[in-house]
Protein backbone atom coordinates (compact mmCIF):
# COMPACT_ATOMS: atom_id res chain seq x y z
CA MET A 1 121.05 104.56 73.93
CA CYS A 2 118.74 103.71 71.06
CA LYS A 3 115.02 103.84 71.46
CA SER A 4 113.09 100.61 70.71
CA GLU A 5 111.92 101.80 67.32
CA ARG A 6 115.56 102.43 66.35
CA THR A 7 114.89 105.79 64.79
CA VAL A 8 116.83 107.78 67.40
CA CYS A 9 120.07 106.88 69.22
CA GLU A 10 121.04 109.26 72.06
CA GLY A 11 123.75 109.35 74.60
CA GLY A 12 126.77 108.75 72.29
CA GLN A 13 129.91 110.71 71.63
CA VAL A 14 131.18 112.32 68.39
CA TYR A 15 134.88 112.96 67.84
CA ASP A 16 135.90 115.87 65.57
CA PRO A 17 139.36 115.03 64.18
CA ARG A 18 139.78 118.60 62.90
CA ASN A 19 139.96 120.12 66.33
CA GLY A 20 140.55 117.03 68.47
CA LYS A 21 137.47 117.53 70.63
CA THR A 22 134.75 115.04 71.62
CA TYR A 23 131.16 116.05 71.83
CA SER A 24 127.85 114.53 72.91
CA GLY A 25 125.85 113.22 70.01
CA THR A 26 122.48 111.92 68.74
CA ILE A 27 121.83 109.97 65.53
CA THR A 28 118.37 110.10 63.90
CA MET A 29 117.11 108.12 60.92
CA ALA A 30 115.98 110.82 58.52
CA GLY A 31 114.89 108.49 55.79
CA LYS A 32 115.38 105.07 54.33
CA ASP A 33 119.07 105.69 53.43
CA ARG A 34 119.84 108.90 55.35
CA LEU A 35 121.13 109.63 58.93
CA GLU A 36 121.38 112.90 60.73
CA LEU A 37 124.09 113.26 63.26
CA ARG A 38 123.82 116.06 65.87
CA GLY A 39 126.88 116.90 67.91
CA TYR A 40 126.62 119.31 70.82
CA ILE A 41 128.25 120.56 74.03
CA MET A 42 126.30 120.19 77.28
CA VAL A 43 122.78 120.88 75.81
CA SER A 44 121.48 119.77 72.37
CA LEU A 45 120.07 123.29 71.79
CA ILE A 46 123.58 124.53 71.15
CA GLY A 47 125.13 122.30 68.43
CA ARG A 48 125.37 121.37 64.75
CA THR A 49 123.52 118.87 62.71
CA SER A 50 125.17 117.06 59.73
CA THR A 51 123.66 114.49 57.25
């Protein structure tokens, strides 16, 4: 679900085609033309962020 200011969207899923697994995910606006995608298992403390 995206927050009203639309800078963070949480509660989504990310599919990794390399290993065939689906992870929970969050997308954050990191600038005017940049997104950060964070995929994680169970808790967002254990995961990986990509831009």
